[in-house]
Amino acid sequence: MSAEQLRSTDLAPRIIRFPRPGQLEPSVDLRIAPTLQLLTPVDLKIQENARKLFLVPTPQHLEGEDADSEYLPKPSPLSELPPLKETVHRYVLGIVEIWGGRRQPMQLARLSHRIVYSKITAAAGSHREIPKIRKIYITEPIEGVAETTVTLRFNDRVRSLVLRFEGVDKRWLCTELVLL
């Protein structure tokens, strides 16, 4: 079979080369990926904007309650929020001191969602010993959301505290708190 005949059959790999200045030339085997869609930079920008994640604040009302649209939390850009690391460190220290009975839960009410605040008040003074804070890990999966894991040492036992903060109304609000 000659080279011309081989090119005209469907069995032969077809390679499309797209030269780009300053970059390696990619090659695509259309036999392997026949449905490959090649996008222009403009198409990629449109898709990037369409897929961008954004914060939808946790509602303040509980199931069965009517939501007051005037007082719904509004997401805040990072430029309007206080420093995240400092806020998280103060909040974690406050939680630990509340558990040990050395601080009142009301001191964290402004920074806590009402469900989280009820968890804090229920556990206030429940621990005999104040745990030692070993390490605080903070990640920001999207703008305005911070997921935090804190490792705590209770005597010989190590436990994790998981927190979620949302940037709403120009402050960081703790919307989830779980001690594992």
C-alpha atoms as a PDB file:
ATOM      1  CA  MET A   1       0.000   0.000   0.000  1.00  0.00           C
ATOM      2  CA  SER A   2       1.450   3.338  -1.004  1.00  0.00           C
ATOM      3  CA  ALA A   3       1.671   6.394   1.212  1.00  0.00           C
ATOM      4  CA  GLU A   4      -1.144   8.105  -0.743  1.00  0.00           C
ATOM      5  CA  GLN A   5      -3.459   5.123  -0.294  1.00  0.00           C
ATOM      6  CA  LEU A   6      -2.572   4.921   3.388  1.00  0.00           C
ATOM      7  CA  ARG A   7      -3.450   8.613   3.873  1.00  0.00           C
ATOM      8  CA  SER A   8      -6.848   8.180   2.256  1.00  0.00           C
ATOM      9  CA  THR A   9      -7.957   5.300   4.517  1.00  0.00           C
ATOM     10  CA  ASP A  10      -9.583   5.765   7.913  1.00  0.00           C
ATOM     11  CA  LEU A  11      -7.003   3.503   9.536  1.00  0.00           C
ATOM     12  CA  ALA A  12      -4.180   5.952   9.061  1.00  0.00           C
ATOM     13  CA  PRO A  13      -3.657   8.436  11.896  1.00  0.00           C
ATOM     14  CA  ARG A  14      -4.376  12.010  10.908  1.00  0.00           C
ATOM     15  CA  ILE A  15      -2.274  14.603  12.656  1.00  0.00           C
ATOM     16  CA  ILE A  16      -3.190  18.254  12.782  1.00  0.00           C
ATOM     17  CA  ARG A  17      -0.463  20.628  13.802  1.00  0.00           C
ATOM     18  CA  PHE A  18      -1.175  24.081  15.210  1.00  0.00           C
ATOM     19  CA  PRO A  19       2.020  26.101  15.317  1.00  0.00           C
ATOM     20  CA  ARG A  20       2.310  28.570  18.181  1.00  0.00           C
ATOM     21  CA  PRO A  21       5.187  30.978  18.454  1.00  0.00           C
ATOM     22  CA  GLY A  22       7.510  30.147  21.310  1.00  0.00           C
ATOM     23  CA  GLN A  23       5.762  26.877  22.227  1.00  0.00           C
ATOM     24  CA  LEU A  24       5.972  23.269  21.246  1.00  0.00           C
ATOM     25  CA  GLU A  25       3.651  22.275  18.450  1.00  0.00           C
ATOM     26  CA  PRO A  26       0.850  20.045  19.796  1.00  0.00           C
ATOM     27  CA  SER A  27      -0.268  17.147  17.664  1.00  0.00           C
ATOM     28  CA  VAL A  28      -3.678  15.477  17.750  1.00  0.00           C
ATOM     29  CA  ASP A  29      -4.514  12.007  16.480  1.00  0.00           C
ATOM     30  CA  LEU A  30      -8.087  12.403  15.207  1.00  0.00           C
ATOM     31  CA  ARG A  31      -8.566   8.640  15.047  1.00  0.00           C
ATOM     32  CA  ILE A  32      -8.132   8.446  18.836  1.00  0.00           C
ATOM     33  CA  ALA A  33     -10.145  11.575  19.646  1.00  0.00           C
ATOM     34  CA  PRO A  34     -12.633  12.125  16.816  1.00  0.00           C
ATOM     35  CA  THR A  35     -14.890  14.385  18.896  1.00  0.00           C
ATOM     36  CA  LEU A  36     -12.127  16.695  20.059  1.00  0.00           C
ATOM     37  CA  GLN A  37     -13.296  20.292  20.070  1.00  0.00           C
ATOM     38  CA  LEU A  38     -10.646  22.883  19.534  1.00  0.00           C
ATOM     39  CA  LEU A  39     -11.450  26.185  21.223  1.00  0.00           C
ATOM     40  CA  THR A  40     -10.107  29.617  20.503  1.00  0.00           C
ATOM     41  CA  PRO A  41      -8.788  31.772  23.374  1.00  0.00           C
ATOM     42  CA  VAL A  42     -12.050  33.767  23.273  1.00  0.00           C
ATOM     43  CA  ASP A  43     -14.102  30.557  23.701  1.00  0.00           C
ATOM     44  CA  LEU A  44     -11.899  29.492  26.616  1.00  0.00           C
ATOM     45  CA  LYS A  45     -12.426  32.858  28.334  1.00  0.00           C
ATOM     46  CA  ILE A  46     -16.220  32.548  27.960  1.00  0.00           C
ATOM     47  CA  GLN A  47     -16.181  29.009  29.370  1.00  0.00           C
ATOM     48  CA  GLU A  48     -13.912  30.094  32.255  1.00  0.00           C
ATOM     49  CA  ASN A  49     -16.364  32.839  33.252  1.00  0.00           C
ATOM     50  CA  ALA A  50     -19.342  30.505  32.950  1.00  0.00           C
ATOM     51  CA  ARG A  51     -17.769  27.943  35.267  1.00  0.00           C
ATOM     52  CA  LYS A  52     -16.525  30.333  37.957  1.00  0.00           C
ATOM     53  CA  LEU A  53     -17.763  29.361  41.393  1.00  0.00           C
ATOM     54  CA  PHE A  54     -19.154  31.993  43.699  1.00  0.00           C
ATOM     55  CA  LEU A  55     -20.373  32.129  47.275  1.00  0.00           C
ATOM     56  CA  VAL A  56     -24.049  31.650  48.049  1.00  0.00           C
ATOM     57  CA  PRO A  57     -24.237  32.530  51.763  1.00  0.00           C
ATOM     58  CA  THR A  58     -25.701  30.057  54.219  1.00  0.00           C
ATOM     59  CA  PRO A  59     -29.208  31.288  55.050  1.00  0.00           C
ATOM     60  CA  GLN A  60     -29.754  32.586  58.575  1.00  0.00           C
ATOM     61  CA  HIS A  61     -33.280  31.193  58.852  1.00  0.00           C
ATOM     62  CA  LEU A  62     -34.032  27.590  59.757  1.00  0.00           C
ATOM     63  CA  GLU A  63     -36.441  25.236  58.011  1.00  0.00           C
ATOM     64  CA  GLY A  64     -40.030  26.294  58.557  1.00  0.00           C
ATOM     65  CA  GLU A  65     -39.087  29.924  59.249  1.00  0.00           C
ATOM     66  CA  ASP A  66     -39.829  32.741  56.853  1.00  0.00           C
ATOM     67  CA  ALA A  67     -36.761  34.420  55.398  1.00  0.00           C
ATOM     68  CA  ASP A  68     -36.690  38.188  55.638  1.00  0.00           C
ATOM     69  CA  SER A  69     -35.240  39.322  52.317  1.00  0.00           C
ATOM     70  CA  GLU A  70     -34.134  42.650  53.816  1.00  0.00           C
ATOM     71  CA  TYR A  71     -31.711  40.955  56.229  1.00  0.00           C
ATOM     72  CA  LEU A  72     -30.252  38.191  54.051  1.00  0.00           C
ATOM     73  CA  PRO A  73     -26.440  37.927  54.272  1.00  0.00           C
ATOM     74  CA  LYS A  74     -24.612  39.453  51.314  1.00  0.00           C
ATOM     75  CA  PRO A  75     -21.261  38.097  50.068  1.00  0.00           C
ATOM     76  CA  SER A  76     -18.331  40.462  50.495  1.00  0.00           C
ATOM     77  CA  PRO A  77     -15.247  40.703  48.268  1.00  0.00           C
ATOM     78  CA  LEU A  78     -11.918  39.840  49.871  1.00  0.00           C
ATOM     79  CA  SER A  79     -10.884  43.491  49.843  1.00  0.00           C
ATOM     80  CA  GLU A  80     -13.698  44.326  52.309  1.00  0.00           C
ATOM     81  CA  LEU A  81     -13.029  41.408  54.695  1.00  0.00           C
ATOM     82  CA  PRO A  82     -10.697  41.492  57.724  1.00  0.00           C
ATOM     83  CA  PRO A  83      -7.482  39.422  57.613  1.00  0.00           C
ATOM     84  CA  LEU A  84      -8.498  35.751  57.455  1.00  0.00           C
ATOM     85  CA  LYS A  85      -5.600  34.195  59.348  1.00  0.00           C
ATOM     86  CA  GLU A  86      -5.949  36.534  62.318  1.00  0.00           C
ATOM     87  CA  THR A  87      -9.735  36.028  62.474  1.00  0.00           C
ATOM     88  CA  VAL A  88      -9.450  32.232  62.342  1.00  0.00           C
ATOM     89  CA  HIS A  89      -6.746  32.124  65.026  1.00  0.00           C
ATOM     90  CA  ARG A  90      -8.771  34.335  67.381  1.00  0.00           C
ATOM     91  CA  TYR A  91     -11.930  32.302  66.731  1.00  0.00           C
ATOM     92  CA  VAL A  92     -10.227  28.948  67.393  1.00  0.00           C
ATOM     93  CA  LEU A  93      -8.650  30.273  70.588  1.00  0.00           C
ATOM     94  CA  GLY A  94     -12.061  31.543  71.664  1.00  0.00           C
ATOM     95  CA  ILE A  95     -13.690  28.132  71.025  1.00  0.00           C
ATOM     96  CA  VAL A  96     -11.027  26.341  73.059  1.00  0.00           C
ATOM     97  CA  GLU A  97     -11.398  28.781  75.948  1.00  0.00           C
ATOM     98  CA  ILE A  98     -15.206  28.495  75.864  1.00  0.00           C
ATOM     99  CA  TRP A  99     -14.933  24.705  76.056  1.00  0.00           C
ATOM    100  CA  GLY A 100     -12.685  25.080  79.087  1.00  0.00           C
ATOM    101  CA  GLY A 101     -15.113  27.498  80.783  1.00  0.00           C
ATOM    102  CA  ARG A 102     -12.731  30.470  80.708  1.00  0.00           C
ATOM    103  CA  ARG A 103     -14.707  32.587  78.234  1.00  0.00           C
ATOM    104  CA  GLN A 104     -18.386  33.318  77.633  1.00  0.00           C
ATOM    105  CA  PRO A 105     -19.928  32.038  74.348  1.00  0.00           C
ATOM    106  CA  MET A 106     -21.468  35.464  73.724  1.00  0.00           C
ATOM    107  CA  GLN A 107     -18.012  36.752  72.760  1.00  0.00           C
ATOM    108  CA  LEU A 108     -18.164  34.715  69.520  1.00  0.00           C
ATOM    109  CA  ALA A 109     -21.841  35.380  68.713  1.00  0.00           C
ATOM    110  CA  ARG A 110     -21.113  38.052  66.093  1.00  0.00           C
ATOM    111  CA  LEU A 111     -18.738  35.759  64.196  1.00  0.00           C
ATOM    112  CA  SER A 112     -20.963  32.650  64.389  1.00  0.00           C
ATOM    113  CA  HIS A 113     -23.981  31.458  62.443  1.00  0.00           C
ATOM    114  CA  ARG A 114     -26.921  30.824  64.782  1.00  0.00           C
ATOM    115  CA  ILE A 115     -26.638  27.019  64.389  1.00  0.00           C
ATOM    116  CA  VAL A 116     -22.908  27.148  65.199  1.00  0.00           C
ATOM    117  CA  TYR A 117     -23.588  29.453  68.141  1.00  0.00           C
ATOM    118  CA  SER A 118     -26.093  26.944  69.553  1.00  0.00           C
ATOM    119  CA  LYS A 119     -23.415  24.213  69.274  1.00  0.00           C
ATOM    120  CA  ILE A 120     -20.923  26.434  71.094  1.00  0.00           C
ATOM    121  CA  THR A 121     -23.306  27.242  73.945  1.00  0.00           C
ATOM    122  CA  ALA A 122     -24.267  23.571  74.315  1.00  0.00           C
ATOM    123  CA  ALA A 123     -20.598  22.563  74.669  1.00  0.00           C
ATOM    124  CA  ALA A 124     -19.538  25.509  76.873  1.00  0.00           C
ATOM    125  CA  GLY A 125     -17.551  24.289  79.870  1.00  0.00           C
ATOM    126  CA  SER A 126     -17.932  20.651  78.791  1.00  0.00           C
ATOM    127  CA  HIS A 127     -14.222  19.838  78.682  1.00  0.00           C
ATOM    128  CA  ARG A 128     -12.308  19.445  81.913  1.00  0.00           C
ATOM    129  CA  GLU A 129      -9.017  20.384  80.345  1.00  0.00           C
ATOM    130  CA  ILE A 130      -8.374  23.035  77.732  1.00  0.00           C
ATOM    131  CA  PRO A 131      -6.893  21.301  74.680  1.00  0.00           C
ATOM    132  CA  LYS A 132      -3.610  22.416  73.161  1.00  0.00           C
ATOM    133  CA  ILE A 133      -3.813  23.854  69.655  1.00  0.00           C
ATOM    134  CA  ARG A 134      -1.248  21.991  67.573  1.00  0.00           C
ATOM    135  CA  LYS A 135      -1.758  23.283  64.021  1.00  0.00           C
ATOM    136  CA  ILE A 136      -4.277  25.337  62.050  1.00  0.00           C
ATOM    137  CA  TYR A 137      -4.718  24.598  58.341  1.00  0.00           C
ATOM    138  CA  ILE A 138      -6.611  27.149  56.220  1.00  0.00           C
ATOM    139  CA  THR A 139      -7.657  26.655  52.603  1.00  0.00           C
ATOM    140  CA  GLU A 140      -9.719  28.924  50.374  1.00  0.00           C
ATOM    141  CA  PRO A 141     -11.479  26.819  47.719  1.00  0.00           C
ATOM    142  CA  ILE A 142     -13.257  29.866  46.284  1.00  0.00           C
ATOM    143  CA  GLU A 143     -13.245  33.587  46.989  1.00  0.00           C
ATOM    144  CA  GLY A 144     -15.043  34.367  50.226  1.00  0.00           C
ATOM    145  CA  VAL A 145     -14.921  30.828  51.652  1.00  0.00           C
ATOM    146  CA  ALA A 146     -12.311  29.465  54.057  1.00  0.00           C
ATOM    147  CA  GLU A 147     -12.233  25.855  55.175  1.00  0.00           C
ATOM    148  CA  THR A 148     -10.184  25.292  58.283  1.00  0.00           C
ATOM    149  CA  THR A 149      -8.921  22.192  60.032  1.00  0.00           C
ATOM    150  CA  VAL A 150      -7.435  22.491  63.500  1.00  0.00           C
ATOM    151  CA  THR A 151      -5.573  19.676  65.236  1.00  0.00           C
ATOM    152  CA  LEU A 152      -6.088  19.707  68.996  1.00  0.00           C
ATOM    153  CA  ARG A 153      -4.384  17.617  71.669  1.00  0.00           C
ATOM    154  CA  PHE A 154      -6.530  16.469  74.588  1.00  0.00           C
ATOM    155  CA  ASN A 155      -4.036  14.788  76.992  1.00  0.00           C
ATOM    156  CA  ASP A 156      -2.860  11.746  74.968  1.00  0.00           C
ATOM    157  CA  ARG A 157      -5.523  12.026  72.280  1.00  0.00           C
ATOM    158  CA  VAL A 158      -5.392  14.119  69.102  1.00  0.00           C
ATOM    159  CA  ARG A 159      -8.671  15.322  67.586  1.00  0.00           C
ATOM    160  CA  SER A 160      -9.599  17.553  64.679  1.00  0.00           C
ATOM    161  CA  LEU A 161     -11.859  20.562  64.652  1.00  0.00           C
ATOM    162  CA  VAL A 162     -13.344  21.438  61.269  1.00  0.00           C
ATOM    163  CA  LEU A 163     -14.610  24.975  60.603  1.00  0.00           C
ATOM    164  CA  ARG A 164     -16.044  26.766  57.587  1.00  0.00           C
ATOM    165  CA  PHE A 165     -15.977  30.537  57.305  1.00  0.00           C
ATOM    166  CA  GLU A 166     -17.911  32.603  54.772  1.00  0.00           C
ATOM    167  CA  GLY A 167     -17.157  36.222  53.969  1.00  0.00           C
ATOM    168  CA  VAL A 168     -20.517  37.953  54.344  1.00  0.00           C
ATOM    169  CA  ASP A 169     -21.537  41.458  55.424  1.00  0.00           C
ATOM    170  CA  LYS A 170     -17.871  42.599  55.595  1.00  0.00           C
ATOM    171  CA  ARG A 171     -16.896  39.969  58.198  1.00  0.00           C
ATOM    172  CA  TRP A 172     -15.951  36.312  58.380  1.00  0.00           C
ATOM    173  CA  LEU A 173     -18.867  34.221  59.665  1.00  0.00           C
ATOM    174  CA  CYS A 174     -18.346  30.660  60.967  1.00  0.00           C
ATOM    175  CA  THR A 175     -21.097  28.588  59.341  1.00  0.00           C
ATOM    176  CA  GLU A 176     -19.915  25.086  60.305  1.00  0.00           C
ATOM    177  CA  LEU A 177     -18.170  23.653  63.345  1.00  0.00           C
ATOM    178  CA  VAL A 178     -17.539  19.940  63.907  1.00  0.00           C
ATOM    179  CA  LEU A 179     -15.222  18.280  66.410  1.00  0.00           C
ATOM    180  CA  LEU A 180     -14.070  14.928  65.036  1.00  0.00           C
END
